[in-house]
Amino acid sequence: MDKKIFTRSFVLKLIGIALLALIAVIFLIKFYPQIMDLVSDKENFKDYIHSFGALGFAVFIFFEILQVIIAIIPGDLFHISAGFIYGMPLGFILAYVGELLGALIAFGIAKFFGAEIVKKFVSEKLIIKTSELINSVKGTFGILILCLIPAIPKDVLIYVGGLTPVKPSRFLAVFLLSRIPDIFIKASGGAAIYERDYKSLIIIGAAFLVLISLGFLLKNKFLKNHKES
């Protein structure tokens, strides 16, 4: 084997991948079940966050960052909990700040470690397909569509985006702007649940269905134009 491949950068990446894999295994075994139990009970989660006093804001943002980095944690639960715990608009702001910071970290991880780490939890087929859409002629619109389609895990999309030659500023700007409606609707839903405002909850549910429908319509139009070009 050519010894030249064992550069300082290569060794550091191997060590980093091994450490991340170890942390992920420990997290999945020890902490993941506890976090899911905690966030699934909104009243209990609210009491837990408030138990930190003034640091509660930072703790909640940490959970939001964590759910982005650890892609298997469903972010929707935290977005809804944001509104349930803090109401609106504070709940939305905290959820969005956590999403923003988590996206920056996840994108950076993908950029630094490359496909070696991303392929651990994303299929190569999905990486190739998503990369083609992001780097197409209408790449910016492609990123927007991918962010609006409910079926696509947004956290996985960040990691895949980090593997492509797309400019980080363009990708993250489009990604984070497109996340605003989804997070806002879910945080508003959480606030409505806490206030038992069922009228608002129905309106919010209808808005969410409109957002989903818009995502699928734009997706079909984009894929049609993408094939034609």
C-alpha atoms as a PDB file:
ATOM      1  CA  MET A   1       0.000   0.000   0.000  1.00  0.00           C
ATOM      2  CA  ASP A   2       1.273   3.470  -0.865  1.00  0.00           C
ATOM      3  CA  LYS A   3       2.430   5.135   2.351  1.00  0.00           C
ATOM      4  CA  LYS A   4       1.665   8.530   0.852  1.00  0.00           C
ATOM      5  CA  ILE A   5      -2.023   8.065   1.596  1.00  0.00           C
ATOM      6  CA  PHE A   6      -1.257   8.151   5.319  1.00  0.00           C
ATOM      7  CA  THR A   7      -1.008  11.912   5.420  1.00  0.00           C
ATOM      8  CA  ARG A   8      -1.663  13.910   8.560  1.00  0.00           C
ATOM      9  CA  SER A   9      -5.069  14.947   7.202  1.00  0.00           C
ATOM     10  CA  PHE A  10      -6.007  11.341   6.357  1.00  0.00           C
ATOM     11  CA  VAL A  11      -5.025  10.078   9.821  1.00  0.00           C
ATOM     12  CA  LEU A  12      -6.920  12.904  11.535  1.00  0.00           C
ATOM     13  CA  LYS A  13     -10.017  12.062   9.521  1.00  0.00           C
ATOM     14  CA  LEU A  14      -9.765   8.387  10.445  1.00  0.00           C
ATOM     15  CA  ILE A  15      -9.427   9.276  14.128  1.00  0.00           C
ATOM     16  CA  GLY A  16     -12.327  11.707  13.847  1.00  0.00           C
ATOM     17  CA  ILE A  17     -14.566   9.140  12.155  1.00  0.00           C
ATOM     18  CA  ALA A  18     -13.720   6.554  14.807  1.00  0.00           C
ATOM     19  CA  LEU A  19     -14.509   9.013  17.610  1.00  0.00           C
ATOM     20  CA  LEU A  20     -17.791  10.082  16.000  1.00  0.00           C
ATOM     21  CA  ALA A  21     -18.774   6.447  15.503  1.00  0.00           C
ATOM     22  CA  LEU A  22     -17.977   5.676  19.156  1.00  0.00           C
ATOM     23  CA  ILE A  23     -19.954   8.696  20.377  1.00  0.00           C
ATOM     24  CA  ALA A  24     -22.893   7.715  18.151  1.00  0.00           C
ATOM     25  CA  VAL A  25     -22.934   4.147  19.505  1.00  0.00           C
ATOM     26  CA  ILE A  26     -22.772   5.343  23.130  1.00  0.00           C
ATOM     27  CA  PHE A  27     -25.512   7.885  22.445  1.00  0.00           C
ATOM     28  CA  LEU A  28     -27.820   5.356  20.784  1.00  0.00           C
ATOM     29  CA  ILE A  29     -27.401   2.833  23.584  1.00  0.00           C
ATOM     30  CA  LYS A  30     -27.504   5.124  26.615  1.00  0.00           C
ATOM     31  CA  PHE A  31     -29.145   8.456  25.802  1.00  0.00           C
ATOM     32  CA  TYR A  32     -31.421   8.067  22.770  1.00  0.00           C
ATOM     33  CA  PRO A  33     -34.222   6.159  24.587  1.00  0.00           C
ATOM     34  CA  GLN A  34     -34.128   8.653  27.479  1.00  0.00           C
ATOM     35  CA  ILE A  35     -34.330  11.663  25.151  1.00  0.00           C
ATOM     36  CA  MET A  36     -37.237  10.175  23.212  1.00  0.00           C
ATOM     37  CA  ASP A  37     -39.138   9.393  26.425  1.00  0.00           C
ATOM     38  CA  LEU A  38     -38.484  12.902  27.708  1.00  0.00           C
ATOM     39  CA  VAL A  39     -39.529  14.854  24.617  1.00  0.00           C
ATOM     40  CA  SER A  40     -42.549  12.608  23.939  1.00  0.00           C
ATOM     41  CA  ASP A  41     -44.153  13.812  27.186  1.00  0.00           C
ATOM     42  CA  LYS A  42     -44.470  17.538  26.547  1.00  0.00           C
ATOM     43  CA  GLU A  43     -45.453  18.472  30.099  1.00  0.00           C
ATOM     44  CA  ASN A  44     -42.532  16.509  31.517  1.00  0.00           C
ATOM     45  CA  PHE A  45     -40.166  18.016  28.938  1.00  0.00           C
ATOM     46  CA  LYS A  46     -41.401  21.501  29.791  1.00  0.00           C
ATOM     47  CA  ASP A  47     -40.747  20.939  33.504  1.00  0.00           C
ATOM     48  CA  TYR A  48     -37.305  19.568  32.686  1.00  0.00           C
ATOM     49  CA  ILE A  49     -36.342  22.615  30.594  1.00  0.00           C
ATOM     50  CA  HIS A  50     -37.680  25.079  33.178  1.00  0.00           C
ATOM     51  CA  SER A  51     -35.744  23.265  35.926  1.00  0.00           C
ATOM     52  CA  PHE A  52     -32.583  24.856  34.494  1.00  0.00           C
ATOM     53  CA  GLY A  53     -33.903  28.335  35.161  1.00  0.00           C
ATOM     54  CA  ALA A  54     -32.264  31.014  33.016  1.00  0.00           C
ATOM     55  CA  LEU A  55     -30.161  28.338  31.315  1.00  0.00           C
ATOM     56  CA  GLY A  56     -33.319  26.666  29.988  1.00  0.00           C
ATOM     57  CA  PHE A  57     -33.013  28.594  26.710  1.00  0.00           C
ATOM     58  CA  ALA A  58     -29.509  27.232  26.134  1.00  0.00           C
ATOM     59  CA  VAL A  59     -30.536  23.685  27.083  1.00  0.00           C
ATOM     60  CA  PHE A  60     -33.441  23.718  24.636  1.00  0.00           C
ATOM     61  CA  ILE A  61     -31.245  25.093  21.837  1.00  0.00           C
ATOM     62  CA  PHE A  62     -28.748  22.315  22.615  1.00  0.00           C
ATOM     63  CA  PHE A  63     -31.489  19.718  22.074  1.00  0.00           C
ATOM     64  CA  GLU A  64     -32.398  21.362  18.756  1.00  0.00           C
ATOM     65  CA  ILE A  65     -28.758  21.278  17.664  1.00  0.00           C
ATOM     66  CA  LEU A  66     -28.489  17.648  18.729  1.00  0.00           C
ATOM     67  CA  GLN A  67     -31.530  16.548  16.729  1.00  0.00           C
ATOM     68  CA  VAL A  68     -29.983  18.034  13.587  1.00  0.00           C
ATOM     69  CA  ILE A  69     -26.568  16.435  14.091  1.00  0.00           C
ATOM     70  CA  ILE A  70     -28.014  13.051  15.140  1.00  0.00           C
ATOM     71  CA  ALA A  71     -30.294  12.647  12.142  1.00  0.00           C
ATOM     72  CA  ILE A  72     -32.362   9.778  13.569  1.00  0.00           C
ATOM     73  CA  ILE A  73     -33.851  12.041  16.252  1.00  0.00           C
ATOM     74  CA  PRO A  74     -37.161  13.413  14.889  1.00  0.00           C
ATOM     75  CA  GLY A  75     -36.872  17.189  14.833  1.00  0.00           C
ATOM     76  CA  ASP A  76     -40.638  17.700  14.601  1.00  0.00           C
ATOM     77  CA  LEU A  77     -41.049  16.752  18.268  1.00  0.00           C
ATOM     78  CA  PHE A  78     -38.664  19.522  19.315  1.00  0.00           C
ATOM     79  CA  HIS A  79     -40.202  22.129  16.997  1.00  0.00           C
ATOM     80  CA  ILE A  80     -43.642  21.414  18.449  1.00  0.00           C
ATOM     81  CA  SER A  81     -42.222  21.381  21.979  1.00  0.00           C
ATOM     82  CA  ALA A  82     -40.679  24.810  21.367  1.00  0.00           C
ATOM     83  CA  GLY A  83     -44.127  26.351  20.964  1.00  0.00           C
ATOM     84  CA  PHE A  84     -45.564  24.247  23.780  1.00  0.00           C
ATOM     85  CA  ILE A  85     -42.878  25.357  26.250  1.00  0.00           C
ATOM     86  CA  TYR A  86     -42.231  28.963  25.234  1.00  0.00           C
ATOM     87  CA  GLY A  87     -45.235  29.984  23.154  1.00  0.00           C
ATOM     88  CA  MET A  88     -44.942  32.216  20.104  1.00  0.00           C
ATOM     89  CA  PRO A  89     -42.854  33.860  18.786  1.00  0.00           C
ATOM     90  CA  LEU A  90     -40.131  32.904  21.302  1.00  0.00           C
ATOM     91  CA  GLY A  91     -40.600  29.182  20.704  1.00  0.00           C
ATOM     92  CA  PHE A  92     -40.098  29.619  16.967  1.00  0.00           C
ATOM     93  CA  ILE A  93     -36.993  31.770  17.482  1.00  0.00           C
ATOM     94  CA  LEU A  94     -35.337  29.240  19.805  1.00  0.00           C
ATOM     95  CA  ALA A  95     -36.187  26.302  17.531  1.00  0.00           C
ATOM     96  CA  TYR A  96     -34.864  28.160  14.489  1.00  0.00           C
ATOM     97  CA  VAL A  97     -31.633  29.221  16.197  1.00  0.00           C
ATOM     98  CA  GLY A  98     -31.009  25.593  17.184  1.00  0.00           C
ATOM     99  CA  GLU A  99     -31.762  24.433  13.637  1.00  0.00           C
ATOM    100  CA  LEU A 100     -29.393  27.061  12.235  1.00  0.00           C
ATOM    101  CA  LEU A 101     -26.489  26.133  14.519  1.00  0.00           C
ATOM    102  CA  GLY A 102     -27.091  22.410  14.010  1.00  0.00           C
ATOM    103  CA  ALA A 103     -27.110  22.848  10.230  1.00  0.00           C
ATOM    104  CA  LEU A 104     -23.801  24.717  10.309  1.00  0.00           C
ATOM    105  CA  ILE A 105     -22.188  21.974  12.409  1.00  0.00           C
ATOM    106  CA  ALA A 106     -23.614  19.088  10.337  1.00  0.00           C
ATOM    107  CA  PHE A 107     -22.592  20.738   7.064  1.00  0.00           C
ATOM    108  CA  GLY A 108     -19.096  21.295   8.452  1.00  0.00           C
ATOM    109  CA  ILE A 109     -18.818  17.648   9.549  1.00  0.00           C
ATOM    110  CA  ALA A 110     -19.740  16.460   6.051  1.00  0.00           C
ATOM    111  CA  LYS A 111     -17.289  18.886   4.436  1.00  0.00           C
ATOM    112  CA  PHE A 112     -14.416  17.833   6.696  1.00  0.00           C
ATOM    113  CA  PHE A 113     -14.927  14.075   6.875  1.00  0.00           C
ATOM    114  CA  GLY A 114     -16.443  13.566   3.437  1.00  0.00           C
ATOM    115  CA  ALA A 115     -18.406  10.573   2.173  1.00  0.00           C
ATOM    116  CA  GLU A 116     -16.698   8.187   4.617  1.00  0.00           C
ATOM    117  CA  ILE A 117     -18.836   9.426   7.511  1.00  0.00           C
ATOM    118  CA  VAL A 118     -22.031  10.268   5.574  1.00  0.00           C
ATOM    119  CA  LYS A 119     -22.268   6.816   3.958  1.00  0.00           C
ATOM    120  CA  LYS A 120     -22.562   5.329   7.437  1.00  0.00           C
ATOM    121  CA  PHE A 121     -26.208   6.412   7.591  1.00  0.00           C
ATOM    122  CA  VAL A 122     -27.157   7.563   4.064  1.00  0.00           C
ATOM    123  CA  SER A 123     -27.386   5.205   1.084  1.00  0.00           C
ATOM    124  CA  GLU A 124     -25.051   5.899  -1.825  1.00  0.00           C
ATOM    125  CA  LYS A 125     -28.046   5.937  -4.181  1.00  0.00           C
ATOM    126  CA  LEU A 126     -29.705   8.740  -2.192  1.00  0.00           C
ATOM    127  CA  ILE A 127     -26.413  10.665  -2.039  1.00  0.00           C
ATOM    128  CA  ILE A 128     -25.993  10.499  -5.837  1.00  0.00           C
ATOM    129  CA  LYS A 129     -29.619  11.400  -6.602  1.00  0.00           C
ATOM    130  CA  THR A 130     -29.700  14.307  -4.158  1.00  0.00           C
ATOM    131  CA  SER A 131     -26.297  15.568  -5.301  1.00  0.00           C
ATOM    132  CA  GLU A 132     -27.497  15.661  -8.914  1.00  0.00           C
ATOM    133  CA  LEU A 133     -30.499  17.766  -7.959  1.00  0.00           C
ATOM    134  CA  ILE A 134     -28.455  20.166  -5.827  1.00  0.00           C
ATOM    135  CA  ASN A 135     -25.800  20.646  -8.518  1.00  0.00           C
ATOM    136  CA  SER A 136     -28.149  20.869 -11.489  1.00  0.00           C
ATOM    137  CA  VAL A 137     -28.525  23.997 -13.593  1.00  0.00           C
ATOM    138  CA  LYS A 138     -31.455  24.970 -11.403  1.00  0.00           C
ATOM    139  CA  GLY A 139     -29.620  23.903  -8.281  1.00  0.00           C
ATOM    140  CA  THR A 140     -30.898  26.655  -6.020  1.00  0.00           C
ATOM    141  CA  PHE A 141     -34.482  25.790  -6.882  1.00  0.00           C
ATOM    142  CA  GLY A 142     -33.594  22.129  -6.435  1.00  0.00           C
ATOM    143  CA  ILE A 143     -32.373  22.760  -2.898  1.00  0.00           C
ATOM    144  CA  LEU A 144     -35.578  24.639  -2.149  1.00  0.00           C
ATOM    145  CA  ILE A 145     -37.732  21.779  -3.433  1.00  0.00           C
ATOM    146  CA  LEU A 146     -35.806  19.170  -1.479  1.00  0.00           C
ATOM    147  CA  CYS A 147     -36.270  21.226   1.685  1.00  0.00           C
ATOM    148  CA  LEU A 148     -40.020  21.529   1.128  1.00  0.00           C
ATOM    149  CA  ILE A 149     -40.717  17.846   0.425  1.00  0.00           C
ATOM    150  CA  PRO A 150     -41.951  16.327   3.730  1.00  0.00           C
ATOM    151  CA  ALA A 151     -40.731  12.809   2.905  1.00  0.00           C
ATOM    152  CA  ILE A 152     -37.067  13.840   2.720  1.00  0.00           C
ATOM    153  CA  PRO A 153     -35.244  13.997   6.089  1.00  0.00           C
ATOM    154  CA  LYS A 154     -33.861  17.523   6.278  1.00  0.00           C
ATOM    155  CA  ASP A 155     -30.947  16.567   8.530  1.00  0.00           C
ATOM    156  CA  VAL A 156     -29.779  13.970   5.998  1.00  0.00           C
ATOM    157  CA  LEU A 157     -30.064  16.598   3.271  1.00  0.00           C
ATOM    158  CA  ILE A 158     -27.568  18.810   5.119  1.00  0.00           C
ATOM    159  CA  TYR A 159     -24.984  16.030   5.219  1.00  0.00           C
ATOM    160  CA  VAL A 160     -25.472  15.222   1.534  1.00  0.00           C
ATOM    161  CA  GLY A 161     -25.203  18.914   0.687  1.00  0.00           C
ATOM    162  CA  GLY A 162     -21.867  19.012   2.459  1.00  0.00           C
ATOM    163  CA  LEU A 163     -20.509  16.388   0.044  1.00  0.00           C
ATOM    164  CA  THR A 164     -21.323  18.414  -3.062  1.00  0.00           C
ATOM    165  CA  PRO A 165     -19.306  21.258  -4.607  1.00  0.00           C
ATOM    166  CA  VAL A 166     -22.197  23.654  -3.997  1.00  0.00           C
ATOM    167  CA  LYS A 167     -21.159  26.863  -2.242  1.00  0.00           C
ATOM    168  CA  PRO A 168     -21.839  26.551   1.507  1.00  0.00           C
ATOM    169  CA  SER A 169     -23.279  30.076   1.624  1.00  0.00           C
ATOM    170  CA  ARG A 170     -25.795  29.323  -1.142  1.00  0.00           C
ATOM    171  CA  PHE A 171     -26.829  25.937   0.185  1.00  0.00           C
ATOM    172  CA  LEU A 172     -27.208  27.018   3.811  1.00  0.00           C
ATOM    173  CA  ALA A 173     -28.994  30.275   2.880  1.00  0.00           C
ATOM    174  CA  VAL A 174     -31.621  28.444   0.798  1.00  0.00           C
ATOM    175  CA  PHE A 175     -31.902  25.598   3.310  1.00  0.00           C
ATOM    176  CA  LEU A 176     -32.368  27.823   6.346  1.00  0.00           C
ATOM    177  CA  LEU A 177     -34.810  30.182   4.612  1.00  0.00           C
ATOM    178  CA  SER A 178     -36.908  27.259   3.401  1.00  0.00           C
ATOM    179  CA  ARG A 179     -37.079  25.826   6.934  1.00  0.00           C
ATOM    180  CA  ILE A 180     -38.853  28.908   8.297  1.00  0.00           C
ATOM    181  CA  PRO A 181     -42.443  27.972   7.261  1.00  0.00           C
ATOM    182  CA  ASP A 182     -42.182  24.391   8.534  1.00  0.00           C
ATOM    183  CA  ILE A 183     -40.667  25.298  11.911  1.00  0.00           C
ATOM    184  CA  PHE A 184     -43.045  28.253  12.338  1.00  0.00           C
ATOM    185  CA  ILE A 185     -46.126  26.098  11.675  1.00  0.00           C
ATOM    186  CA  LYS A 186     -45.008  23.336  14.045  1.00  0.00           C
ATOM    187  CA  ALA A 187     -44.029  25.731  16.833  1.00  0.00           C
ATOM    188  CA  SER A 188     -47.393  27.491  16.398  1.00  0.00           C
ATOM    189  CA  GLY A 189     -49.094  24.109  16.650  1.00  0.00           C
ATOM    190  CA  GLY A 190     -47.277  23.396  19.897  1.00  0.00           C
ATOM    191  CA  ALA A 191     -48.375  26.738  21.319  1.00  0.00           C
ATOM    192  CA  ALA A 192     -51.979  26.069  20.273  1.00  0.00           C
ATOM    193  CA  ILE A 193     -51.879  22.634  21.935  1.00  0.00           C
ATOM    194  CA  TYR A 194     -50.656  24.143  25.205  1.00  0.00           C
ATOM    195  CA  GLU A 195     -53.306  26.887  25.113  1.00  0.00           C
ATOM    196  CA  ARG A 196     -55.986  24.382  24.033  1.00  0.00           C
ATOM    197  CA  ASP A 197     -56.802  26.732  21.172  1.00  0.00           C
ATOM    198  CA  TYR A 198     -58.435  24.168  18.896  1.00  0.00           C
ATOM    199  CA  LYS A 199     -59.620  26.735  16.363  1.00  0.00           C
ATOM    200  CA  SER A 200     -56.048  27.891  15.780  1.00  0.00           C
ATOM    201  CA  LEU A 201     -54.912  24.266  15.721  1.00  0.00           C
ATOM    202  CA  ILE A 202     -57.295  23.515  12.843  1.00  0.00           C
ATOM    203  CA  ILE A 203     -56.020  26.551  10.923  1.00  0.00           C
ATOM    204  CA  ILE A 204     -52.405  25.531  11.579  1.00  0.00           C
ATOM    205  CA  GLY A 205     -53.160  21.974  10.430  1.00  0.00           C
ATOM    206  CA  ALA A 206     -54.673  23.319   7.209  1.00  0.00           C
ATOM    207  CA  ALA A 207     -51.605  25.523   6.657  1.00  0.00           C
ATOM    208  CA  PHE A 208     -49.371  22.490   7.102  1.00  0.00           C
ATOM    209  CA  LEU A 209     -51.356  20.530   4.507  1.00  0.00           C
ATOM    210  CA  VAL A 210     -51.016  23.460   2.092  1.00  0.00           C
ATOM    211  CA  LEU A 211     -47.253  23.500   2.688  1.00  0.00           C
ATOM    212  CA  ILE A 212     -47.015  19.749   2.012  1.00  0.00           C
ATOM    213  CA  SER A 213     -49.123  20.062  -1.154  1.00  0.00           C
ATOM    214  CA  LEU A 214     -46.985  22.956  -2.376  1.00  0.00           C
ATOM    215  CA  GLY A 215     -43.851  20.908  -1.803  1.00  0.00           C
ATOM    216  CA  PHE A 216     -45.122  17.973  -3.853  1.00  0.00           C
ATOM    217  CA  LEU A 217     -46.412  20.207  -6.660  1.00  0.00           C
ATOM    218  CA  LEU A 218     -43.102  22.029  -6.938  1.00  0.00           C
ATOM    219  CA  LYS A 219     -41.248  18.717  -6.775  1.00  0.00           C
ATOM    220  CA  ASN A 220     -43.199  17.248  -9.692  1.00  0.00           C
ATOM    221  CA  LYS A 221     -42.715  20.393 -11.762  1.00  0.00           C
ATOM    222  CA  PHE A 222     -39.002  20.529 -10.978  1.00  0.00           C
ATOM    223  CA  LEU A 223     -38.379  16.852 -11.770  1.00  0.00           C
ATOM    224  CA  LYS A 224     -40.274  17.190 -15.042  1.00  0.00           C
ATOM    225  CA  ASN A 225     -38.185  20.203 -16.096  1.00  0.00           C
ATOM    226  CA  HIS A 226     -35.016  18.505 -14.847  1.00  0.00           C
ATOM    227  CA  LYS A 227     -35.621  15.432 -17.061  1.00  0.00           C
ATOM    228  CA  GLU A 228     -36.433  17.596 -20.090  1.00  0.00           C
ATOM    229  CA  SER A 229     -33.213  19.583 -19.704  1.00  0.00           C
END
